[in-house]
Amino acid sequence: MSAMLREIGIDEAGRGPVIGSLFVAGVLNFEGLGVLGVRDSKKLSSKRREQLAKLIENATEVQVMELTAKEIDERRKSQSMNEITVDLFARIIELLHPDRVYVDAADVNPERFASNLRKKCNIRERDIEIISEFKADVNYPVVSAASIVAKVHRDRSIRELATEIGAEIGSGYPADPRTIQFLNRLLKEQKDNIPDCVRQSWKTFERLCYK
């Protein structure tokens, strides 16, 4: 990392779940990050993610954006998830004022994702370098760090939701049987009073409603 450049990594957690918020984190690169042992957050234990997130947040500038399930449902009336993700990533860029950005591409076309970020931030290619790649959270420690921070915030949020609701809701992902059991029970017991933490615009929810 050049001492003169402000390099940041951006990643998200919670883009696909049917329950809970989407979190996007931006982390400013710093000396010593590479020796912390950061890696893709999914390959770390919950305890290790918590430890690393604390170290990262104490060592450097970090920005975290949250978009609740209710906000996601509202925005999906006029935007795709790719467009929503671009908006959040762009806001992180605006807050951290980087010279170079590494992002985990939230689009099937990484170059298009970078281009859309530039347009949203109203920046020219020579103003800020944007490196958009698949598996950036594996290949770049600063994106791994952002992945860890976003995941920790998402996990905390899900734990708080479960406590607030007073029920086992699982991870919130459609592939989690505990999440599907919770949704089935909700639809059976209070179909007309679905809590705001459920993304009702999700196909998973729609399928369960009409099965």
C-alpha atoms as a PDB file:
ATOM      1  CA  MET A   1       0.000   0.000   0.000  1.00  0.00           C
ATOM      2  CA  SER A   2       1.378   3.400  -0.935  1.00  0.00           C
ATOM      3  CA  ALA A   3       1.646   5.781   2.022  1.00  0.00           C
ATOM      4  CA  MET A   4       0.286   8.537  -0.205  1.00  0.00           C
ATOM      5  CA  LEU A   5      -2.818   6.740  -1.417  1.00  0.00           C
ATOM      6  CA  ARG A   6      -6.072   6.331   0.437  1.00  0.00           C
ATOM      7  CA  GLU A   7      -7.122   2.800  -0.491  1.00  0.00           C
ATOM      8  CA  ILE A   8     -10.414   1.364   0.674  1.00  0.00           C
ATOM      9  CA  GLY A   9     -12.206  -1.957   0.400  1.00  0.00           C
ATOM     10  CA  ILE A  10     -15.991  -2.289   0.221  1.00  0.00           C
ATOM     11  CA  ASP A  11     -18.161  -5.363   0.668  1.00  0.00           C
ATOM     12  CA  GLU A  12     -21.680  -6.252   1.769  1.00  0.00           C
ATOM     13  CA  ALA A  13     -23.430  -8.782   3.971  1.00  0.00           C
ATOM     14  CA  GLY A  14     -27.093  -9.630   3.772  1.00  0.00           C
ATOM     15  CA  ARG A  15     -27.885  -9.020   0.133  1.00  0.00           C
ATOM     16  CA  GLY A  16     -29.683 -12.359  -0.349  1.00  0.00           C
ATOM     17  CA  PRO A  17     -31.567 -13.078   2.910  1.00  0.00           C
ATOM     18  CA  VAL A  18     -35.343 -12.925   3.202  1.00  0.00           C
ATOM     19  CA  ILE A  19     -35.066 -11.622   6.772  1.00  0.00           C
ATOM     20  CA  GLY A  20     -33.101  -8.686   8.114  1.00  0.00           C
ATOM     21  CA  SER A  21     -31.030  -5.761   6.918  1.00  0.00           C
ATOM     22  CA  LEU A  22     -28.373  -5.387   4.251  1.00  0.00           C
ATOM     23  CA  PHE A  23     -25.071  -4.013   5.549  1.00  0.00           C
ATOM     24  CA  VAL A  24     -22.307  -2.447   3.457  1.00  0.00           C
ATOM     25  CA  ALA A  25     -18.923  -1.703   5.015  1.00  0.00           C
ATOM     26  CA  GLY A  26     -16.001   0.358   3.806  1.00  0.00           C
ATOM     27  CA  VAL A  27     -12.554   0.033   5.386  1.00  0.00           C
ATOM     28  CA  LEU A  28      -9.538   2.294   4.868  1.00  0.00           C
ATOM     29  CA  ASN A  29      -6.361   0.311   4.274  1.00  0.00           C
ATOM     30  CA  PHE A  30      -3.737   0.564   7.008  1.00  0.00           C
ATOM     31  CA  GLU A  31      -0.272  -0.714   7.820  1.00  0.00           C
ATOM     32  CA  GLY A  32      -0.450  -4.077   9.537  1.00  0.00           C
ATOM     33  CA  LEU A  33      -3.746  -5.182   8.034  1.00  0.00           C
ATOM     34  CA  GLY A  34      -2.049  -7.966   6.085  1.00  0.00           C
ATOM     35  CA  VAL A  35      -0.707  -9.653   9.226  1.00  0.00           C
ATOM     36  CA  LEU A  36      -4.041  -9.778  11.058  1.00  0.00           C
ATOM     37  CA  GLY A  37      -5.067 -12.910   9.186  1.00  0.00           C
ATOM     38  CA  VAL A  38      -8.139 -11.396   7.550  1.00  0.00           C
ATOM     39  CA  ARG A  39      -9.831 -13.515   4.922  1.00  0.00           C
ATOM     40  CA  ASP A  40     -13.263 -14.021   3.404  1.00  0.00           C
ATOM     41  CA  SER A  41     -15.633 -13.620   6.368  1.00  0.00           C
ATOM     42  CA  LYS A  42     -17.495 -16.849   5.493  1.00  0.00           C
ATOM     43  CA  LYS A  43     -14.295 -18.824   6.172  1.00  0.00           C
ATOM     44  CA  LEU A  44     -13.924 -17.504   9.712  1.00  0.00           C
ATOM     45  CA  SER A  45     -15.705 -18.502  12.907  1.00  0.00           C
ATOM     46  CA  SER A  46     -18.170 -16.041  14.410  1.00  0.00           C
ATOM     47  CA  LYS A  47     -15.836 -15.479  17.367  1.00  0.00           C
ATOM     48  CA  ARG A  48     -12.851 -14.758  15.116  1.00  0.00           C
ATOM     49  CA  ARG A  49     -14.889 -12.358  12.980  1.00  0.00           C
ATOM     50  CA  GLU A  50     -15.887 -10.441  16.112  1.00  0.00           C
ATOM     51  CA  GLN A  51     -12.245 -10.251  17.244  1.00  0.00           C
ATOM     52  CA  LEU A  52     -11.020  -9.058  13.855  1.00  0.00           C
ATOM     53  CA  ALA A  53     -13.830  -6.528  13.403  1.00  0.00           C
ATOM     54  CA  LYS A  54     -12.897  -4.922  16.720  1.00  0.00           C
ATOM     55  CA  LEU A  55      -9.220  -4.738  15.727  1.00  0.00           C
ATOM     56  CA  ILE A  56     -10.077  -3.265  12.327  1.00  0.00           C
ATOM     57  CA  GLU A  57     -12.511  -0.678  13.700  1.00  0.00           C
ATOM     58  CA  ASN A  58      -9.951   0.415  16.308  1.00  0.00           C
ATOM     59  CA  ALA A  59      -7.127   0.673  13.774  1.00  0.00           C
ATOM     60  CA  THR A  60      -8.601   2.661  10.898  1.00  0.00           C
ATOM     61  CA  GLU A  61     -11.512   4.578   9.389  1.00  0.00           C
ATOM     62  CA  VAL A  62     -14.598   2.433   8.884  1.00  0.00           C
ATOM     63  CA  GLN A  63     -18.010   3.317   7.479  1.00  0.00           C
ATOM     64  CA  VAL A  64     -21.046   1.034   7.703  1.00  0.00           C
ATOM     65  CA  MET A  65     -24.373   1.540   5.940  1.00  0.00           C
ATOM     66  CA  GLU A  66     -27.539  -0.335   6.880  1.00  0.00           C
ATOM     67  CA  LEU A  67     -30.630  -0.763   4.741  1.00  0.00           C
ATOM     68  CA  THR A  68     -33.503  -2.401   6.599  1.00  0.00           C
ATOM     69  CA  ALA A  69     -35.815  -5.027   5.137  1.00  0.00           C
ATOM     70  CA  LYS A  70     -38.628  -2.476   4.995  1.00  0.00           C
ATOM     71  CA  GLU A  71     -36.399   0.026   3.176  1.00  0.00           C
ATOM     72  CA  ILE A  72     -35.301  -2.681   0.741  1.00  0.00           C
ATOM     73  CA  ASP A  73     -38.928  -3.583  -0.045  1.00  0.00           C
ATOM     74  CA  GLU A  74     -39.741   0.074  -0.674  1.00  0.00           C
ATOM     75  CA  ARG A  75     -36.729   0.694  -2.917  1.00  0.00           C
ATOM     76  CA  ARG A  76     -37.315  -2.489  -4.899  1.00  0.00           C
ATOM     77  CA  LYS A  77     -40.512  -0.927  -6.241  1.00  0.00           C
ATOM     78  CA  SER A  78     -38.309   1.203  -8.487  1.00  0.00           C
ATOM     79  CA  GLN A  79     -34.785  -0.296  -8.296  1.00  0.00           C
ATOM     80  CA  SER A  80     -33.042  -3.622  -8.759  1.00  0.00           C
ATOM     81  CA  MET A  81     -30.821  -4.999  -6.000  1.00  0.00           C
ATOM     82  CA  ASN A  82     -27.807  -4.200  -8.185  1.00  0.00           C
ATOM     83  CA  GLU A  83     -28.872  -0.548  -8.348  1.00  0.00           C
ATOM     84  CA  ILE A  84     -29.501  -0.445  -4.605  1.00  0.00           C
ATOM     85  CA  THR A  85     -26.062  -1.948  -3.962  1.00  0.00           C
ATOM     86  CA  VAL A  86     -24.410   0.607  -6.251  1.00  0.00           C
ATOM     87  CA  ASP A  87     -26.108   3.393  -4.280  1.00  0.00           C
ATOM     88  CA  LEU A  88     -24.769   2.089  -0.967  1.00  0.00           C
ATOM     89  CA  PHE A  89     -21.260   1.417  -2.254  1.00  0.00           C
ATOM     90  CA  ALA A  90     -21.192   4.913  -3.789  1.00  0.00           C
ATOM     91  CA  ARG A  91     -22.177   6.463  -0.473  1.00  0.00           C
ATOM     92  CA  ILE A  92     -19.265   4.680   1.228  1.00  0.00           C
ATOM     93  CA  ILE A  93     -16.902   6.079  -1.417  1.00  0.00           C
ATOM     94  CA  GLU A  94     -18.255   9.590  -0.850  1.00  0.00           C
ATOM     95  CA  LEU A  95     -17.787   9.262   2.925  1.00  0.00           C
ATOM     96  CA  LEU A  96     -14.217   7.899   2.820  1.00  0.00           C
ATOM     97  CA  HIS A  97     -12.776  10.020  -0.036  1.00  0.00           C
ATOM     98  CA  PRO A  98     -10.394   7.359  -1.421  1.00  0.00           C
ATOM     99  CA  ASP A  99      -7.862   7.482  -4.233  1.00  0.00           C
ATOM    100  CA  ARG A 100      -8.322   3.787  -4.982  1.00  0.00           C
ATOM    101  CA  VAL A 101     -11.266   1.489  -4.293  1.00  0.00           C
ATOM    102  CA  TYR A 102     -11.389  -2.302  -4.244  1.00  0.00           C
ATOM    103  CA  VAL A 103     -14.897  -3.750  -4.373  1.00  0.00           C
ATOM    104  CA  ASP A 104     -16.389  -7.212  -4.417  1.00  0.00           C
ATOM    105  CA  ALA A 105     -18.460  -6.992  -7.606  1.00  0.00           C
ATOM    106  CA  ALA A 106     -22.194  -7.208  -6.918  1.00  0.00           C
ATOM    107  CA  ASP A 107     -22.992  -7.712 -10.608  1.00  0.00           C
ATOM    108  CA  VAL A 108     -22.435 -10.511 -13.120  1.00  0.00           C
ATOM    109  CA  ASN A 109     -20.306  -7.966 -14.990  1.00  0.00           C
ATOM    110  CA  PRO A 110     -17.568  -6.501 -12.718  1.00  0.00           C
ATOM    111  CA  GLU A 111     -16.636  -3.796 -15.244  1.00  0.00           C
ATOM    112  CA  ARG A 112     -20.245  -2.640 -15.456  1.00  0.00           C
ATOM    113  CA  PHE A 113     -20.417  -2.503 -11.661  1.00  0.00           C
ATOM    114  CA  ALA A 114     -17.318  -0.256 -11.572  1.00  0.00           C
ATOM    115  CA  SER A 115     -18.754   1.928 -14.344  1.00  0.00           C
ATOM    116  CA  ASN A 116     -22.051   2.318 -12.496  1.00  0.00           C
ATOM    117  CA  LEU A 117     -20.182   3.280  -9.333  1.00  0.00           C
ATOM    118  CA  ARG A 118     -18.263   5.972 -11.215  1.00  0.00           C
ATOM    119  CA  LYS A 119     -21.490   7.370 -12.655  1.00  0.00           C
ATOM    120  CA  LYS A 120     -23.233   7.353  -9.293  1.00  0.00           C
ATOM    121  CA  CYS A 121     -20.335   9.127  -7.597  1.00  0.00           C
ATOM    122  CA  ASN A 122     -19.943  11.443 -10.589  1.00  0.00           C
ATOM    123  CA  ILE A 123     -16.219  10.677 -10.817  1.00  0.00           C
ATOM    124  CA  ARG A 124     -13.924  10.289 -13.798  1.00  0.00           C
ATOM    125  CA  GLU A 125     -11.651   7.303 -14.203  1.00  0.00           C
ATOM    126  CA  ARG A 126      -8.566   9.353 -13.466  1.00  0.00           C
ATOM    127  CA  ASP A 127     -10.068  10.798 -10.268  1.00  0.00           C
ATOM    128  CA  ILE A 128     -10.527   7.521  -8.399  1.00  0.00           C
ATOM    129  CA  GLU A 129      -9.315   4.088  -9.450  1.00  0.00           C
ATOM    130  CA  ILE A 130     -12.039   1.476  -8.962  1.00  0.00           C
ATOM    131  CA  ILE A 131     -11.007  -2.180  -9.019  1.00  0.00           C
ATOM    132  CA  SER A 132     -14.109  -4.351  -9.224  1.00  0.00           C
ATOM    133  CA  GLU A 133     -13.617  -8.122  -9.160  1.00  0.00           C
ATOM    134  CA  PHE A 134     -15.331 -11.349  -8.221  1.00  0.00           C
ATOM    135  CA  LYS A 135     -13.842 -12.807  -5.022  1.00  0.00           C
ATOM    136  CA  ALA A 136     -12.192  -9.501  -4.147  1.00  0.00           C
ATOM    137  CA  ASP A 137     -12.923 -10.459  -0.531  1.00  0.00           C
ATOM    138  CA  VAL A 138     -10.529 -13.387  -1.048  1.00  0.00           C
ATOM    139  CA  ASN A 139      -7.884 -11.610  -3.110  1.00  0.00           C
ATOM    140  CA  TYR A 140      -7.516  -8.264  -1.296  1.00  0.00           C
ATOM    141  CA  PRO A 141      -7.082  -8.031   2.499  1.00  0.00           C
ATOM    142  CA  VAL A 142      -8.781  -4.618   2.612  1.00  0.00           C
ATOM    143  CA  VAL A 143     -11.925  -6.123   1.047  1.00  0.00           C
ATOM    144  CA  SER A 144     -11.677  -9.110   3.394  1.00  0.00           C
ATOM    145  CA  ALA A 145     -11.665  -6.582   6.238  1.00  0.00           C
ATOM    146  CA  ALA A 146     -14.792  -4.888   4.863  1.00  0.00           C
ATOM    147  CA  SER A 147     -16.428  -8.296   4.465  1.00  0.00           C
ATOM    148  CA  ILE A 148     -15.704  -9.127   8.101  1.00  0.00           C
ATOM    149  CA  VAL A 149     -17.056  -5.820   9.418  1.00  0.00           C
ATOM    150  CA  ALA A 150     -20.236  -6.062   7.320  1.00  0.00           C
ATOM    151  CA  LYS A 151     -20.823  -9.677   8.381  1.00  0.00           C
ATOM    152  CA  VAL A 152     -20.344  -8.888  12.076  1.00  0.00           C
ATOM    153  CA  HIS A 153     -22.868  -6.046  11.876  1.00  0.00           C
ATOM    154  CA  ARG A 154     -25.323  -8.292  10.039  1.00  0.00           C
ATOM    155  CA  ASP A 155     -24.933 -11.122  12.577  1.00  0.00           C
ATOM    156  CA  ARG A 156     -25.416  -8.757  15.517  1.00  0.00           C
ATOM    157  CA  SER A 157     -28.537  -7.373  13.880  1.00  0.00           C
ATOM    158  CA  ILE A 158     -29.991 -10.872  13.380  1.00  0.00           C
ATOM    159  CA  ARG A 159     -29.315 -11.784  17.020  1.00  0.00           C
ATOM    160  CA  GLU A 160     -31.061  -8.600  18.150  1.00  0.00           C
ATOM    161  CA  LEU A 161     -34.019  -9.363  15.871  1.00  0.00           C
ATOM    162  CA  ALA A 162     -34.384 -12.869  17.276  1.00  0.00           C
ATOM    163  CA  THR A 163     -34.379 -11.468  20.822  1.00  0.00           C
ATOM    164  CA  GLU A 164     -36.875  -8.769  19.905  1.00  0.00           C
ATOM    165  CA  ILE A 165     -39.219 -11.227  18.194  1.00  0.00           C
ATOM    166  CA  GLY A 166     -38.699 -13.895  20.835  1.00  0.00           C
ATOM    167  CA  ALA A 167     -38.301 -16.690  18.293  1.00  0.00           C
ATOM    168  CA  GLU A 168     -35.664 -18.711  16.463  1.00  0.00           C
ATOM    169  CA  ILE A 169     -35.322 -17.081  13.037  1.00  0.00           C
ATOM    170  CA  GLY A 170     -32.127 -18.752  11.847  1.00  0.00           C
ATOM    171  CA  SER A 171     -29.686 -16.877   9.634  1.00  0.00           C
ATOM    172  CA  GLY A 172     -32.426 -15.220   7.590  1.00  0.00           C
ATOM    173  CA  TYR A 173     -31.298 -16.915   4.374  1.00  0.00           C
ATOM    174  CA  PRO A 174     -33.813 -18.863   2.231  1.00  0.00           C
ATOM    175  CA  ALA A 175     -31.636 -22.012   2.390  1.00  0.00           C
ATOM    176  CA  ASP A 176     -31.840 -22.105   6.202  1.00  0.00           C
ATOM    177  CA  PRO A 177     -34.600 -24.513   7.350  1.00  0.00           C
ATOM    178  CA  ARG A 178     -34.995 -22.576  10.615  1.00  0.00           C
ATOM    179  CA  THR A 179     -35.743 -19.411   8.665  1.00  0.00           C
ATOM    180  CA  ILE A 180     -38.332 -21.157   6.498  1.00  0.00           C
ATOM    181  CA  GLN A 181     -39.944 -22.726   9.572  1.00  0.00           C
ATOM    182  CA  PHE A 182     -40.196 -19.290  11.170  1.00  0.00           C
ATOM    183  CA  LEU A 183     -41.787 -17.798   8.035  1.00  0.00           C
ATOM    184  CA  ASN A 184     -44.261 -20.668   7.717  1.00  0.00           C
ATOM    185  CA  ARG A 185     -45.286 -20.175  11.327  1.00  0.00           C
ATOM    186  CA  LEU A 186     -45.674 -16.435  10.797  1.00  0.00           C
ATOM    187  CA  LEU A 187     -47.879 -16.940   7.753  1.00  0.00           C
ATOM    188  CA  LYS A 188     -50.015 -19.427   9.636  1.00  0.00           C
ATOM    189  CA  GLU A 189     -50.418 -17.389  12.807  1.00  0.00           C
ATOM    190  CA  GLN A 190     -50.272 -13.738  11.716  1.00  0.00           C
ATOM    191  CA  LYS A 191     -50.420 -13.467   7.941  1.00  0.00           C
ATOM    192  CA  ASP A 192     -51.925  -9.968   8.140  1.00  0.00           C
ATOM    193  CA  ASN A 193     -49.298  -8.695  10.557  1.00  0.00           C
ATOM    194  CA  ILE A 194     -45.907  -9.625   9.100  1.00  0.00           C
ATOM    195  CA  PRO A 195     -43.052  -7.856  10.948  1.00  0.00           C
ATOM    196  CA  ASP A 196     -40.962  -5.259   9.123  1.00  0.00           C
ATOM    197  CA  CYS A 197     -37.847  -7.431   9.349  1.00  0.00           C
ATOM    198  CA  VAL A 198     -39.225  -9.748   6.626  1.00  0.00           C
ATOM    199  CA  ARG A 199     -38.485  -8.813   3.012  1.00  0.00           C
ATOM    200  CA  GLN A 200     -41.934  -9.261   1.539  1.00  0.00           C
ATOM    201  CA  SER A 201     -40.679  -8.408  -1.966  1.00  0.00           C
ATOM    202  CA  TRP A 202     -38.576 -11.613  -1.969  1.00  0.00           C
ATOM    203  CA  LYS A 203     -39.672 -14.538  -4.154  1.00  0.00           C
ATOM    204  CA  THR A 204     -39.112 -16.858  -1.181  1.00  0.00           C
ATOM    205  CA  PHE A 205     -41.773 -15.027   0.801  1.00  0.00           C
ATOM    206  CA  GLU A 206     -44.179 -14.901  -2.147  1.00  0.00           C
ATOM    207  CA  ARG A 207     -43.828 -18.658  -2.732  1.00  0.00           C
ATOM    208  CA  LEU A 208     -44.585 -19.418   0.904  1.00  0.00           C
ATOM    209  CA  CYS A 209     -47.640 -17.137   0.783  1.00  0.00           C
ATOM    210  CA  TYR A 210     -49.191 -18.986  -2.127  1.00  0.00           C
ATOM    211  CA  LYS A 211     -48.096 -22.565  -1.567  1.00  0.00           C
END
